[in-house]
Amino acid sequence: MVKAILDIDDISLIKEVKKLLKNRNHDWFDDLTEEQQQSVFTAIEQLDRGEGIPHEEAIARLGL
């Protein structure tokens, strides 16, 4: 596999592989605004207090 990557001549493909490897350790949470991050923390706190609903119930409420 490594040899196949090293033998790539297509510069656009090399750039895509580089981008993929660079973003591999990127956390989606970092892309959220401060307000969005706070909303996530608030939701986690609510769940910790038992204020959430089961996934199946949420799906049913949304009609999915």
PDB file of N, CA and C in Angstrom:
ATOM      1  N   MET A   1       0.834  -1.191   0.000  1.00  0.00           N
ATOM      2  CA  MET A   1       0.000   0.000   0.000  1.00  0.00           C
ATOM      3  C   MET A   1       0.881   1.257   0.000  1.00  0.00           C
ATOM      4  N   VAL A   2       1.872   1.292   0.856  1.00  0.00           N
ATOM      5  CA  VAL A   2       2.753   2.469   0.921  1.00  0.00           C
ATOM      6  C   VAL A   2       3.457   2.668  -0.409  1.00  0.00           C
ATOM      7  N   LYS A   3       3.931   1.583  -1.018  1.00  0.00           N
ATOM      8  CA  LYS A   3       4.611   1.687  -2.311  1.00  0.00           C
ATOM      9  C   LYS A   3       3.664   2.273  -3.354  1.00  0.00           C
ATOM     10  N   ALA A   4       2.407   1.859  -3.332  1.00  0.00           N
ATOM     11  CA  ALA A   4       1.437   2.381  -4.297  1.00  0.00           C
ATOM     12  C   ALA A   4       1.276   3.887  -4.127  1.00  0.00           C
ATOM     13  N   ILE A   5       1.251   4.339  -2.895  1.00  0.00           N
ATOM     14  CA  ILE A   5       1.128   5.776  -2.629  1.00  0.00           C
ATOM     15  C   ILE A   5       2.383   6.510  -3.093  1.00  0.00           C
ATOM     16  N   LEU A   6       3.544   5.923  -2.816  1.00  0.00           N
ATOM     17  CA  LEU A   6       4.801   6.555  -3.209  1.00  0.00           C
ATOM     18  C   LEU A   6       4.972   6.614  -4.728  1.00  0.00           C
ATOM     19  N   ASP A   7       4.335   5.698  -5.434  1.00  0.00           N
ATOM     20  CA  ASP A   7       4.461   5.652  -6.890  1.00  0.00           C
ATOM     21  C   ASP A   7       3.446   6.534  -7.615  1.00  0.00           C
ATOM     22  N   ILE A   8       2.617   7.255  -6.890  1.00  0.00           N
ATOM     23  CA  ILE A   8       1.603   8.121  -7.521  1.00  0.00           C
ATOM     24  C   ILE A   8       2.291   9.273  -8.251  1.00  0.00           C
ATOM     25  N   ASP A   9       1.897   9.456  -9.506  1.00  0.00           N
ATOM     26  CA  ASP A   9       2.423  10.562 -10.314  1.00  0.00           C
ATOM     27  C   ASP A   9       1.427  11.698 -10.460  1.00  0.00           C
ATOM     28  N   ASP A  10       0.181  11.433 -10.197  1.00  0.00           N
ATOM     29  CA  ASP A  10      -0.891  12.409 -10.367  1.00  0.00           C
ATOM     30  C   ASP A  10      -0.868  13.403  -9.199  1.00  0.00           C
ATOM     31  N   ILE A  11      -0.470  14.639  -9.470  1.00  0.00           N
ATOM     32  CA  ILE A  11      -0.312  15.650  -8.417  1.00  0.00           C
ATOM     33  C   ILE A  11      -1.632  15.933  -7.701  1.00  0.00           C
ATOM     34  N   SER A  12      -2.765  15.914  -8.411  1.00  0.00           N
ATOM     35  CA  SER A  12      -4.046  16.174  -7.755  1.00  0.00           C
ATOM     36  C   SER A  12      -4.394  15.044  -6.791  1.00  0.00           C
ATOM     37  N   LEU A  13      -4.055  13.826  -7.145  1.00  0.00           N
ATOM     38  CA  LEU A  13      -4.288  12.695  -6.249  1.00  0.00           C
ATOM     39  C   LEU A  13      -3.373  12.782  -5.025  1.00  0.00           C
ATOM     40  N   ILE A  14      -2.145  13.190  -5.238  1.00  0.00           N
ATOM     41  CA  ILE A  14      -1.203  13.376  -4.119  1.00  0.00           C
ATOM     42  C   ILE A  14      -1.742  14.431  -3.158  1.00  0.00           C
ATOM     43  N   LYS A  15      -2.286  15.521  -3.696  1.00  0.00           N
ATOM     44  CA  LYS A  15      -2.852  16.572  -2.849  1.00  0.00           C
ATOM     45  C   LYS A  15      -4.045  16.052  -2.056  1.00  0.00           C
ATOM     46  N   GLU A  16      -4.878  15.226  -2.679  1.00  0.00           N
ATOM     47  CA  GLU A  16      -6.037  14.658  -1.990  1.00  0.00           C
ATOM     48  C   GLU A  16      -5.595  13.733  -0.852  1.00  0.00           C
ATOM     49  N   VAL A  17      -4.582  12.917  -1.091  1.00  0.00           N
ATOM     50  CA  VAL A  17      -4.055  12.030  -0.048  1.00  0.00           C
ATOM     51  C   VAL A  17      -3.482  12.866   1.093  1.00  0.00           C
ATOM     52  N   LYS A  18      -2.751  13.912   0.756  1.00  0.00           N
ATOM     53  CA  LYS A  18      -2.171  14.791   1.771  1.00  0.00           C
ATOM     54  C   LYS A  18      -3.274  15.441   2.609  1.00  0.00           C
ATOM     55  N   LYS A  19      -4.321  15.919   1.943  1.00  0.00           N
ATOM     56  CA  LYS A  19      -5.447  16.548   2.635  1.00  0.00           C
ATOM     57  C   LYS A  19      -6.144  15.550   3.555  1.00  0.00           C
ATOM     58  N   LEU A  20      -6.339  14.343   3.064  1.00  0.00           N
ATOM     59  CA  LEU A  20      -6.969  13.296   3.859  1.00  0.00           C
ATOM     60  C   LEU A  20      -6.154  12.999   5.117  1.00  0.00           C
ATOM     61  N   LEU A  21      -4.864  12.872   4.964  1.00  0.00           N
ATOM     62  CA  LEU A  21      -4.007  12.584   6.111  1.00  0.00           C
ATOM     63  C   LEU A  21      -3.960  13.755   7.090  1.00  0.00           C
ATOM     64  N   LYS A  22      -3.957  14.964   6.573  1.00  0.00           N
ATOM     65  CA  LYS A  22      -3.930  16.141   7.428  1.00  0.00           C
ATOM     66  C   LYS A  22      -5.197  16.246   8.266  1.00  0.00           C
ATOM     67  N   ASN A  23      -6.333  15.964   7.658  1.00  0.00           N
ATOM     68  CA  ASN A  23      -7.619  16.089   8.344  1.00  0.00           C
ATOM     69  C   ASN A  23      -7.971  14.875   9.189  1.00  0.00           C
ATOM     70  N   ARG A  24      -7.174  13.860   9.127  1.00  0.00           N
ATOM     71  CA  ARG A  24      -7.459  12.612   9.831  1.00  0.00           C
ATOM     72  C   ARG A  24      -7.591  12.809  11.337  1.00  0.00           C
ATOM     73  N   ASN A  25      -6.808  13.677  11.899  1.00  0.00           N
ATOM     74  CA  ASN A  25      -6.830  13.919  13.333  1.00  0.00           C
ATOM     75  C   ASN A  25      -7.633  15.163  13.698  1.00  0.00           C
ATOM     76  N   HIS A  26      -8.345  15.694  12.732  1.00  0.00           N
ATOM     77  CA  HIS A  26      -9.121  16.909  12.954  1.00  0.00           C
ATOM     78  C   HIS A  26     -10.434  16.560  13.650  1.00  0.00           C
ATOM     79  N   ASP A  27     -10.762  17.270  14.683  1.00  0.00           N
ATOM     80  CA  ASP A  27     -11.987  17.031  15.445  1.00  0.00           C
ATOM     81  C   ASP A  27     -13.071  17.993  14.952  1.00  0.00           C
ATOM     82  N   TRP A  28     -14.214  17.456  14.531  1.00  0.00           N
ATOM     83  CA  TRP A  28     -15.307  18.266  14.012  1.00  0.00           C
ATOM     84  C   TRP A  28     -15.763  19.307  15.026  1.00  0.00           C
ATOM     85  N   PHE A  29     -15.614  19.005  16.309  1.00  0.00           N
ATOM     86  CA  PHE A  29     -16.042  19.907  17.367  1.00  0.00           C
ATOM     87  C   PHE A  29     -15.327  21.252  17.260  1.00  0.00           C
ATOM     88  N   ASP A  30     -14.078  21.225  16.839  1.00  0.00           N
ATOM     89  CA  ASP A  30     -13.297  22.459  16.706  1.00  0.00           C
ATOM     90  C   ASP A  30     -13.859  23.402  15.650  1.00  0.00           C
ATOM     91  N   ASP A  31     -14.637  22.874  14.714  1.00  0.00           N
ATOM     92  CA  ASP A  31     -15.215  23.703  13.657  1.00  0.00           C
ATOM     93  C   ASP A  31     -16.510  24.395  14.079  1.00  0.00           C
ATOM     94  N   LEU A  32     -17.047  24.016  15.230  1.00  0.00           N
ATOM     95  CA  LEU A  32     -18.277  24.626  15.722  1.00  0.00           C
ATOM     96  C   LEU A  32     -17.986  26.007  16.312  1.00  0.00           C
ATOM     97  N   THR A  33     -18.992  26.858  16.272  1.00  0.00           N
ATOM     98  CA  THR A  33     -18.857  28.159  16.916  1.00  0.00           C
ATOM     99  C   THR A  33     -18.874  27.945  18.435  1.00  0.00           C
ATOM    100  N   GLU A  34     -18.493  28.958  19.176  1.00  0.00           N
ATOM    101  CA  GLU A  34     -18.512  28.870  20.632  1.00  0.00           C
ATOM    102  C   GLU A  34     -19.933  28.601  21.129  1.00  0.00           C
ATOM    103  N   GLU A  35     -20.913  29.225  20.489  1.00  0.00           N
ATOM    104  CA  GLU A  35     -22.312  29.020  20.871  1.00  0.00           C
ATOM    105  C   GLU A  35     -22.744  27.567  20.625  1.00  0.00           C
ATOM    106  N   GLN A  36     -22.329  27.016  19.488  1.00  0.00           N
ATOM    107  CA  GLN A  36     -22.665  25.627  19.187  1.00  0.00           C
ATOM    108  C   GLN A  36     -21.995  24.665  20.174  1.00  0.00           C
ATOM    109  N   GLN A  37     -20.733  24.948  20.501  1.00  0.00           N
ATOM    110  CA  GLN A  37     -20.031  24.107  21.464  1.00  0.00           C
ATOM    111  C   GLN A  37     -20.731  24.149  22.820  1.00  0.00           C
ATOM    112  N   GLN A  38     -21.170  25.329  23.223  1.00  0.00           N
ATOM    113  CA  GLN A  38     -21.873  25.459  24.497  1.00  0.00           C
ATOM    114  C   GLN A  38     -23.177  24.679  24.469  1.00  0.00           C
ATOM    115  N   SER A  39     -23.859  24.685  23.340  1.00  0.00           N
ATOM    116  CA  SER A  39     -25.095  23.914  23.205  1.00  0.00           C
ATOM    117  C   SER A  39     -24.838  22.417  23.371  1.00  0.00           C
ATOM    118  N   VAL A  40     -23.732  21.950  22.838  1.00  0.00           N
ATOM    119  CA  VAL A  40     -23.370  20.542  22.998  1.00  0.00           C
ATOM    120  C   VAL A  40     -23.128  20.231  24.468  1.00  0.00           C
ATOM    121  N   PHE A  41     -22.370  21.097  25.152  1.00  0.00           N
ATOM    122  CA  PHE A  41     -22.101  20.877  26.579  1.00  0.00           C
ATOM    123  C   PHE A  41     -23.393  20.894  27.393  1.00  0.00           C
ATOM    124  N   THR A  42     -24.300  21.814  27.063  1.00  0.00           N
ATOM    125  CA  THR A  42     -25.585  21.888  27.757  1.00  0.00           C
ATOM    126  C   THR A  42     -26.374  20.599  27.548  1.00  0.00           C
ATOM    127  N   ALA A  43     -26.391  20.101  26.323  1.00  0.00           N
ATOM    128  CA  ALA A  43     -27.107  18.859  26.024  1.00  0.00           C
ATOM    129  C   ALA A  43     -26.520  17.685  26.801  1.00  0.00           C
ATOM    130  N   ILE A  44     -25.209  17.630  26.905  1.00  0.00           N
ATOM    131  CA  ILE A  44     -24.563  16.554  27.664  1.00  0.00           C
ATOM    132  C   ILE A  44     -24.949  16.631  29.133  1.00  0.00           C
ATOM    133  N   GLU A  45     -24.956  17.837  29.678  1.00  0.00           N
ATOM    134  CA  GLU A  45     -25.369  18.015  31.076  1.00  0.00           C
ATOM    135  C   GLU A  45     -26.807  17.557  31.280  1.00  0.00           C
ATOM    136  N   GLN A  46     -27.687  17.886  30.340  1.00  0.00           N
ATOM    137  CA  GLN A  46     -29.083  17.474  30.438  1.00  0.00           C
ATOM    138  C   GLN A  46     -29.194  15.947  30.407  1.00  0.00           C
ATOM    139  N   LEU A  47     -28.452  15.320  29.526  1.00  0.00           N
ATOM    140  CA  LEU A  47     -28.464  13.860  29.453  1.00  0.00           C
ATOM    141  C   LEU A  47     -27.938  13.233  30.737  1.00  0.00           C
ATOM    142  N   ASP A  48     -26.891  13.840  31.306  1.00  0.00           N
ATOM    143  CA  ASP A  48     -26.331  13.331  32.563  1.00  0.00           C
ATOM    144  C   ASP A  48     -27.353  13.396  33.698  1.00  0.00           C
ATOM    145  N   ARG A  49     -28.277  14.360  33.611  1.00  0.00           N
ATOM    146  CA  ARG A  49     -29.330  14.497  34.621  1.00  0.00           C
ATOM    147  C   ARG A  49     -30.547  13.618  34.299  1.00  0.00           C
ATOM    148  N   GLY A  50     -30.459  12.854  33.220  1.00  0.00           N
ATOM    149  CA  GLY A  50     -31.556  11.979  32.840  1.00  0.00           C
ATOM    150  C   GLY A  50     -32.689  12.684  32.136  1.00  0.00           C
ATOM    151  N   GLU A  51     -32.416  13.844  31.570  1.00  0.00           N
ATOM    152  CA  GLU A  51     -33.459  14.638  30.925  1.00  0.00           C
ATOM    153  C   GLU A  51     -33.632  14.323  29.442  1.00  0.00           C
ATOM    154  N   GLY A  52     -32.923  13.340  28.945  1.00  0.00           N
ATOM    155  CA  GLY A  52     -33.024  13.008  27.524  1.00  0.00           C
ATOM    156  C   GLY A  52     -34.135  12.016  27.254  1.00  0.00           C
ATOM    157  N   ILE A  53     -34.333  11.726  25.971  1.00  0.00           N
ATOM    158  CA  ILE A  53     -35.296  10.699  25.581  1.00  0.00           C
ATOM    159  C   ILE A  53     -34.547   9.658  24.764  1.00  0.00           C
ATOM    160  N   PRO A  54     -35.011   8.412  24.792  1.00  0.00           N
ATOM    161  CA  PRO A  54     -34.347   7.361  24.012  1.00  0.00           C
ATOM    162  C   PRO A  54     -34.361   7.674  22.514  1.00  0.00           C
ATOM    163  N   HIS A  55     -33.367   7.195  21.817  1.00  0.00           N
ATOM    164  CA  HIS A  55     -33.221   7.426  20.385  1.00  0.00           C
ATOM    165  C   HIS A  55     -34.482   6.998  19.623  1.00  0.00           C
ATOM    166  N   GLU A  56     -34.998   5.830  19.968  1.00  0.00           N
ATOM    167  CA  GLU A  56     -36.177   5.317  19.266  1.00  0.00           C
ATOM    168  C   GLU A  56     -37.366   6.264  19.424  1.00  0.00           C
ATOM    169  N   GLU A  57     -37.516   6.845  20.598  1.00  0.00           N
ATOM    170  CA  GLU A  57     -38.613   7.782  20.827  1.00  0.00           C
ATOM    171  C   GLU A  57     -38.418   9.068  20.014  1.00  0.00           C
ATOM    172  N   ALA A  58     -37.192   9.534  19.950  1.00  0.00           N
ATOM    173  CA  ALA A  58     -36.901  10.748  19.171  1.00  0.00           C
ATOM    174  C   ALA A  58     -37.225  10.497  17.694  1.00  0.00           C
ATOM    175  N   ILE A  59     -36.835   9.344  17.184  1.00  0.00           N
ATOM    176  CA  ILE A  59     -37.113   8.998  15.788  1.00  0.00           C
ATOM    177  C   ILE A  59     -38.620   8.962  15.553  1.00  0.00           C
ATOM    178  N   ALA A  60     -39.347   8.350  16.497  1.00  0.00           N
ATOM    179  CA  ALA A  60     -40.806   8.265  16.367  1.00  0.00           C
ATOM    180  C   ALA A  60     -41.439   9.656  16.389  1.00  0.00           C
ATOM    181  N   ARG A  61     -40.955  10.527  17.256  1.00  0.00           N
ATOM    182  CA  ARG A  61     -41.504  11.883  17.331  1.00  0.00           C
ATOM    183  C   ARG A  61     -41.283  12.659  16.044  1.00  0.00           C
ATOM    184  N   LEU A  62     -40.137  12.384  15.412  1.00  0.00           N
ATOM    185  CA  LEU A  62     -39.806  13.078  14.162  1.00  0.00           C
ATOM    186  C   LEU A  62     -40.444  12.416  12.949  1.00  0.00           C
ATOM    187  N   GLY A  63     -41.063  11.253  13.172  1.00  0.00           N
ATOM    188  CA  GLY A  63     -41.711  10.553  12.080  1.00  0.00           C
ATOM    189  C   GLY A  63     -40.743   9.943  11.101  1.00  0.00           C
ATOM    190  N   LEU A  64     -39.584   9.569  11.582  1.00  0.00           N
ATOM    191  CA  LEU A  64     -38.570   8.991  10.688  1.00  0.00           C
ATOM    192  C   LEU A  64     -38.568   7.479  10.740  1.00  0.00           C
TER     193      LEU A  64
END
